[in-house]
Amino acid sequence: MVEVNVIKNHVLIIEDESSISELLKMTLLDSYFSKFNLKIEQAESCEQARLLFQNQKYDLVLLDWMLPGEQGIDFLRSIKKSNSENAQASFLMMTAKSDSDSIVQGLECGADDYVTKPFNFQILKARIKNILNRKVNSDSQKNNSDVILLLGLVIDFAKVNVTVDGHLIHLTPSEFKLLGYLIKSQGRVLTRDQLIDLIQGQDVTVTGRTIDTHVFALRKKLGAWGDKIETIRGVGYRVLSE
């Protein structure tokens, strides 16, 4: 009997420097990622990536910002606005632009996370793992989307309640919405502007300062679990997935 190795996650590296592209490929082939059964492809430009996108659906794209021809940020923006299957792929932006404005721009264009060059490969591996874990968790929750369990926290969207280690946590409607969006995007950075858009209501005026106040209150109410809400300085927040 022949054992078939099923590909669970298809990854595309878009990087024009071959030495960096090969290093990234070797990193993904590390046993650290063995449970994800990765299939890895490489492209040197957005033009080449577009050709691959015509015939293949990817789960994760590692995308360089500075590329020959079309820039990575413009490619990301156009793919996320398209109706293609790859608009649902997770994107990790790789860039030498380490200023907060560039990072916010990348996130608001649809990047799930970012790493700055030169790479700290331990951070890179951890961020890739977070994205892949989030995909696995998302797939497992498709048949039970009203309830999400994450590291002892249970959020029930149908009943609008939250428990931590079996204890009911009383949240305001805005706090519940904010926590819900962070949980659904676990591992992904959400900017303050994105969170404002998500919880803004007809009778609710939300500012960046309001978001910070809600996060402070959430951390206090969630106790030790609140430490999993990470502040990305000058950008926004995310919930750690492990």
Foldseek 3Di string as FASTA:
>chain_A
DDDDQDQQFEEEEAAQDVVVVVVVVVLCVDVLNVVNRYDYYYHDALVRVVVVLVPDAGQEYEFEQDGPDDGRLVSLLVLCPDPGNNVNHAYEYEEQPPDLVVQQSSVVSPHQYYAYPPGPSVVVSLLVVQSSVLVVQVVVCPVPVQWHDAPQWIAGNVVGWIDGVRHTFDDDPLLSQLVVVQVNSASGFDFLVNSQVRRDDPPDHDDSVNLVVSLVVVLVRNDPLSVQWDADPPGGTHGHRD
